[in-house]
Amino acid sequence: SDTGINVGYAIMYESVRTVTSIYPETVLLDMAAGSITRFLSSDNHNLKYAGITGLSAIVKDHPRYAAEHQMAVIDCLEDPDETLKRRTLDLLYTMINPVNVE
């Protein structure tokens, strides 16, 4: 794997964590939620796990960002990694609401 790419993902992940831990700024949250897509669409299990973890941090306080990633999160359930599946189920549980349960 390319070290430069991994460093880029690490910086992006830490940026998402920082944005979710500071005073909510809509523009920053939009950018953080958008960057999560890159993690979730990766073939790398570790990046998907980081994406699920990052999205969990966002959705915990700002649930409106869950809907745009719902199908990508559900796709993570098909991953062979059991840890990723468990973390995905935890996230899906927090994402459930009366509108998307059907």
N, C-alpha and C. Protein backbone atom coordinates (compact mmCIF):
# COMPACT_ATOMS: atom_id res chain seq x y z
N SER A 1 0.83 -1.18 0.00
CA SER A 1 0.00 0.00 0.00
C SER A 1 0.87 1.25 0.00
N ASP A 2 0.35 2.29 -0.56
CA ASP A 2 1.10 3.53 -0.70
C ASP A 2 1.03 4.34 0.59
N THR A 3 2.19 4.64 1.15
CA THR A 3 2.27 5.36 2.42
C THR A 3 1.65 6.75 2.31
N GLY A 4 1.86 7.43 1.19
CA GLY A 4 1.31 8.77 1.00
C GLY A 4 -0.21 8.78 1.05
N ILE A 5 -0.81 7.77 0.47
CA ILE A 5 -2.27 7.67 0.48
C ILE A 5 -2.76 7.41 1.90
N ASN A 6 -2.07 6.51 2.62
CA ASN A 6 -2.46 6.20 3.99
C ASN A 6 -2.35 7.43 4.89
N VAL A 7 -1.30 8.22 4.70
CA VAL A 7 -1.13 9.44 5.49
C VAL A 7 -2.27 10.41 5.18
N GLY A 8 -2.64 10.51 3.93
CA GLY A 8 -3.75 11.38 3.54
C GLY A 8 -5.05 10.96 4.20
N TYR A 9 -5.33 9.66 4.21
CA TYR A 9 -6.54 9.18 4.87
C TYR A 9 -6.48 9.42 6.38
N ALA A 10 -5.30 9.26 6.98
CA ALA A 10 -5.15 9.50 8.42
C ALA A 10 -5.44 10.95 8.76
N ILE A 11 -4.92 11.86 7.95
CA ILE A 11 -5.18 13.28 8.18
C ILE A 11 -6.66 13.60 8.00
N MET A 12 -7.27 13.02 6.97
CA MET A 12 -8.69 13.25 6.72
C MET A 12 -9.53 12.72 7.89
N TYR A 13 -9.18 11.53 8.39
CA TYR A 13 -9.92 10.94 9.50
C TYR A 13 -9.80 11.82 10.76
N GLU A 14 -8.60 12.27 11.06
CA GLU A 14 -8.41 13.13 12.23
C GLU A 14 -9.13 14.46 12.06
N SER A 15 -9.23 14.94 10.84
CA SER A 15 -9.98 16.16 10.59
C SER A 15 -11.46 15.95 10.88
N VAL A 16 -11.99 14.81 10.46
CA VAL A 16 -13.40 14.48 10.75
C VAL A 16 -13.62 14.42 12.25
N ARG A 17 -12.72 13.77 12.96
CA ARG A 17 -12.84 13.67 14.43
C ARG A 17 -12.80 15.05 15.08
N THR A 18 -11.93 15.91 14.58
CA THR A 18 -11.81 17.26 15.14
C THR A 18 -13.09 18.06 14.90
N VAL A 19 -13.60 17.98 13.68
CA VAL A 19 -14.82 18.73 13.33
C VAL A 19 -15.99 18.28 14.20
N THR A 20 -16.07 16.99 14.50
CA THR A 20 -17.19 16.50 15.30
C THR A 20 -17.04 16.83 16.78
N SER A 21 -15.84 17.19 17.21
CA SER A 21 -15.64 17.46 18.63
C SER A 21 -15.65 18.95 18.98
N ILE A 22 -15.66 19.82 17.97
CA ILE A 22 -15.70 21.25 18.23
C ILE A 22 -17.13 21.77 18.07
N TYR A 23 -17.30 23.05 18.31
CA TYR A 23 -18.62 23.66 18.16
C TYR A 23 -19.14 23.38 16.75
N PRO A 24 -20.38 22.92 16.60
CA PRO A 24 -20.90 22.54 15.29
C PRO A 24 -20.91 23.70 14.28
N GLU A 25 -20.19 23.53 13.23
CA GLU A 25 -20.14 24.48 12.12
C GLU A 25 -20.65 23.72 10.90
N THR A 26 -21.77 24.14 10.34
CA THR A 26 -22.44 23.41 9.27
C THR A 26 -21.52 23.15 8.08
N VAL A 27 -20.77 24.13 7.66
CA VAL A 27 -19.89 23.96 6.49
C VAL A 27 -18.86 22.87 6.76
N LEU A 28 -18.26 22.88 7.95
CA LEU A 28 -17.26 21.87 8.29
C LEU A 28 -17.89 20.48 8.41
N LEU A 29 -19.08 20.41 9.00
CA LEU A 29 -19.77 19.13 9.10
C LEU A 29 -20.13 18.58 7.73
N ASP A 30 -20.55 19.45 6.82
CA ASP A 30 -20.85 19.02 5.44
C ASP A 30 -19.60 18.43 4.78
N MET A 31 -18.48 19.10 4.96
CA MET A 31 -17.23 18.62 4.37
C MET A 31 -16.79 17.30 5.02
N ALA A 32 -16.94 17.19 6.32
CA ALA A 32 -16.57 15.96 7.02
C ALA A 32 -17.44 14.80 6.56
N ALA A 33 -18.74 15.04 6.47
CA ALA A 33 -19.64 13.98 6.01
C ALA A 33 -19.34 13.59 4.57
N GLY A 34 -18.98 14.55 3.75
CA GLY A 34 -18.61 14.25 2.37
C GLY A 34 -17.35 13.42 2.27
N SER A 35 -16.40 13.67 3.15
CA SER A 35 -15.15 12.91 3.09
C SER A 35 -15.34 11.48 3.57
N ILE A 36 -16.36 11.24 4.37
CA ILE A 36 -16.65 9.88 4.84
C ILE A 36 -16.93 8.95 3.66
N THR A 37 -17.50 9.48 2.60
CA THR A 37 -17.82 8.68 1.41
C THR A 37 -16.58 7.99 0.87
N ARG A 38 -15.46 8.67 0.88
CA ARG A 38 -14.21 8.08 0.37
C ARG A 38 -13.79 6.87 1.19
N PHE A 39 -14.01 6.94 2.49
CA PHE A 39 -13.68 5.81 3.35
C PHE A 39 -14.62 4.63 3.09
N LEU A 40 -15.91 4.92 3.06
CA LEU A 40 -16.90 3.85 2.92
C LEU A 40 -16.85 3.16 1.57
N SER A 41 -16.40 3.87 0.55
CA SER A 41 -16.34 3.28 -0.79
C SER A 41 -15.03 2.56 -1.06
N SER A 42 -14.14 2.54 -0.11
CA SER A 42 -12.84 1.89 -0.27
C SER A 42 -12.98 0.37 -0.22
N ASP A 43 -12.06 -0.32 -0.86
CA ASP A 43 -12.00 -1.78 -0.77
C ASP A 43 -11.23 -2.23 0.47
N ASN A 44 -10.54 -1.32 1.11
CA ASN A 44 -9.73 -1.62 2.28
C ASN A 44 -10.61 -1.69 3.52
N HIS A 45 -10.55 -2.82 4.23
CA HIS A 45 -11.38 -3.01 5.43
C HIS A 45 -11.09 -1.96 6.50
N ASN A 46 -9.81 -1.62 6.67
CA ASN A 46 -9.44 -0.64 7.69
C ASN A 46 -10.02 0.74 7.38
N LEU A 47 -10.03 1.11 6.11
CA LEU A 47 -10.59 2.41 5.73
C LEU A 47 -12.10 2.42 5.91
N LYS A 48 -12.75 1.30 5.58
CA LYS A 48 -14.19 1.21 5.80
C LYS A 48 -14.51 1.34 7.29
N TYR A 49 -13.70 0.67 8.12
CA TYR A 49 -13.90 0.75 9.56
C TYR A 49 -13.73 2.18 10.05
N ALA A 50 -12.71 2.86 9.54
CA ALA A 50 -12.50 4.26 9.91
C ALA A 50 -13.68 5.11 9.45
N GLY A 51 -14.23 4.82 8.28
CA GLY A 51 -15.40 5.54 7.79
C GLY A 51 -16.62 5.33 8.66
N ILE A 52 -16.84 4.09 9.08
CA ILE A 52 -17.97 3.78 9.96
C ILE A 52 -17.79 4.48 11.30
N THR A 53 -16.57 4.46 11.82
CA THR A 53 -16.28 5.12 13.10
C THR A 53 -16.46 6.64 12.99
N GLY A 54 -15.96 7.21 11.90
CA GLY A 54 -16.12 8.65 11.69
C GLY A 54 -17.57 9.05 11.52
N LEU A 55 -18.32 8.28 10.75
CA LEU A 55 -19.73 8.58 10.56
C LEU A 55 -20.49 8.43 11.88
N SER A 56 -20.10 7.46 12.70
CA SER A 56 -20.72 7.31 14.01
C SER A 56 -20.54 8.56 14.85
N ALA A 57 -19.36 9.15 14.78
CA ALA A 57 -19.08 10.38 15.54
C ALA A 57 -19.95 11.53 15.03
N ILE A 58 -20.14 11.60 13.72
CA ILE A 58 -20.96 12.67 13.15
C ILE A 58 -22.44 12.47 13.50
N VAL A 59 -22.92 11.25 13.29
CA VAL A 59 -24.35 10.95 13.46
C VAL A 59 -24.78 11.05 14.92
N LYS A 60 -23.86 10.81 15.84
CA LYS A 60 -24.19 10.86 17.27
C LYS A 60 -24.83 12.20 17.65
N ASP A 61 -24.28 13.30 17.15
CA ASP A 61 -24.80 14.62 17.48
C ASP A 61 -25.55 15.29 16.34
N HIS A 62 -25.38 14.77 15.12
CA HIS A 62 -25.98 15.39 13.94
C HIS A 62 -26.59 14.30 13.05
N PRO A 63 -27.72 13.73 13.47
CA PRO A 63 -28.29 12.58 12.76
C PRO A 63 -28.72 12.85 11.33
N ARG A 64 -28.86 14.10 10.94
CA ARG A 64 -29.32 14.38 9.58
C ARG A 64 -28.32 13.91 8.53
N TYR A 65 -27.07 13.69 8.90
CA TYR A 65 -26.05 13.24 7.95
C TYR A 65 -26.12 11.73 7.69
N ALA A 66 -26.93 11.03 8.43
CA ALA A 66 -27.02 9.57 8.28
C ALA A 66 -27.65 9.16 6.95
N ALA A 67 -28.66 9.88 6.52
CA ALA A 67 -29.43 9.48 5.34
C ALA A 67 -28.59 9.39 4.08
N GLU A 68 -27.68 10.32 3.88
CA GLU A 68 -26.89 10.31 2.65
C GLU A 68 -25.92 9.14 2.56
N HIS A 69 -25.62 8.51 3.68
CA HIS A 69 -24.67 7.39 3.70
C HIS A 69 -25.34 6.05 4.01
N GLN A 70 -26.63 6.04 4.12
CA GLN A 70 -27.34 4.85 4.57
C GLN A 70 -27.04 3.61 3.73
N MET A 71 -27.09 3.73 2.43
CA MET A 71 -26.87 2.55 1.58
C MET A 71 -25.41 2.09 1.63
N ALA A 72 -24.47 3.02 1.70
CA ALA A 72 -23.05 2.64 1.81
C ALA A 72 -22.80 1.92 3.13
N VAL A 73 -23.46 2.35 4.18
CA VAL A 73 -23.31 1.70 5.48
C VAL A 73 -23.90 0.29 5.41
N ILE A 74 -25.06 0.15 4.83
CA ILE A 74 -25.68 -1.17 4.69
C ILE A 74 -24.79 -2.11 3.88
N ASP A 75 -24.13 -1.59 2.85
CA ASP A 75 -23.20 -2.40 2.04
C ASP A 75 -22.05 -2.95 2.88
N CYS A 76 -21.67 -2.24 3.93
CA CYS A 76 -20.58 -2.70 4.80
C CYS A 76 -20.95 -3.99 5.54
N LEU A 77 -22.24 -4.29 5.64
CA LEU A 77 -22.66 -5.53 6.28
C LEU A 77 -22.25 -6.76 5.47
N GLU A 78 -21.98 -6.58 4.19
CA GLU A 78 -21.57 -7.69 3.33
C GLU A 78 -20.07 -7.94 3.36
N ASP A 79 -19.34 -7.11 4.09
CA ASP A 79 -17.90 -7.28 4.20
C ASP A 79 -17.59 -8.53 5.03
N PRO A 80 -16.55 -9.29 4.67
CA PRO A 80 -16.23 -10.49 5.43
C PRO A 80 -15.64 -10.22 6.83
N ASP A 81 -15.23 -9.01 7.11
CA ASP A 81 -14.63 -8.66 8.39
C ASP A 81 -15.72 -8.56 9.47
N GLU A 82 -15.66 -9.45 10.46
CA GLU A 82 -16.69 -9.49 11.51
C GLU A 82 -16.69 -8.24 12.38
N THR A 83 -15.52 -7.68 12.65
CA THR A 83 -15.44 -6.47 13.46
C THR A 83 -16.13 -5.31 12.76
N LEU A 84 -15.91 -5.21 11.46
CA LEU A 84 -16.55 -4.16 10.67
C LEU A 84 -18.07 -4.35 10.68
N LYS A 85 -18.52 -5.58 10.57
CA LYS A 85 -19.96 -5.86 10.60
C LYS A 85 -20.57 -5.43 11.93
N ARG A 86 -19.90 -5.75 13.04
CA ARG A 86 -20.42 -5.37 14.36
C ARG A 86 -20.50 -3.86 14.52
N ARG A 87 -19.45 -3.18 14.10
CA ARG A 87 -19.42 -1.71 14.20
C ARG A 87 -20.50 -1.09 13.30
N THR A 88 -20.72 -1.71 12.14
CA THR A 88 -21.76 -1.25 11.21
C THR A 88 -23.14 -1.42 11.83
N LEU A 89 -23.37 -2.55 12.47
CA LEU A 89 -24.67 -2.77 13.13
C LEU A 89 -24.90 -1.75 14.24
N ASP A 90 -23.85 -1.43 14.99
CA ASP A 90 -23.97 -0.40 16.03
C ASP A 90 -24.38 0.94 15.42
N LEU A 91 -23.73 1.28 14.30
CA LEU A 91 -24.06 2.54 13.63
C LEU A 91 -25.48 2.52 13.08
N LEU A 92 -25.87 1.43 12.46
CA LEU A 92 -27.23 1.34 11.91
C LEU A 92 -28.28 1.48 13.01
N TYR A 93 -27.99 0.94 14.18
CA TYR A 93 -28.91 1.06 15.29
C TYR A 93 -29.11 2.53 15.67
N THR A 94 -28.04 3.31 15.65
CA THR A 94 -28.17 4.73 15.98
C THR A 94 -28.82 5.54 14.85
N MET A 95 -28.77 5.01 13.63
CA MET A 95 -29.31 5.71 12.47
C MET A 95 -30.82 5.50 12.31
N ILE A 96 -31.35 4.49 12.96
CA ILE A 96 -32.77 4.13 12.77
C ILE A 96 -33.68 5.24 13.29
N ASN A 97 -34.69 5.53 12.47
CA ASN A 97 -35.75 6.46 12.88
C ASN A 97 -37.05 6.01 12.22
N PRO A 98 -38.18 6.56 12.60
CA PRO A 98 -39.47 6.10 12.04
C PRO A 98 -39.56 6.24 10.52
N VAL A 99 -38.83 7.16 9.92
CA VAL A 99 -38.90 7.38 8.48
C VAL A 99 -38.13 6.32 7.69
N ASN A 100 -36.94 5.94 8.16
CA ASN A 100 -36.11 5.03 7.36
C ASN A 100 -36.21 3.57 7.78
N VAL A 101 -37.06 3.24 8.71
CA VAL A 101 -37.16 1.88 9.19
C VAL A 101 -37.84 0.96 8.16
N GLU A 102 -38.64 1.53 7.29
CA GLU A 102 -39.37 0.72 6.31
C GLU A 102 -38.52 0.27 5.21
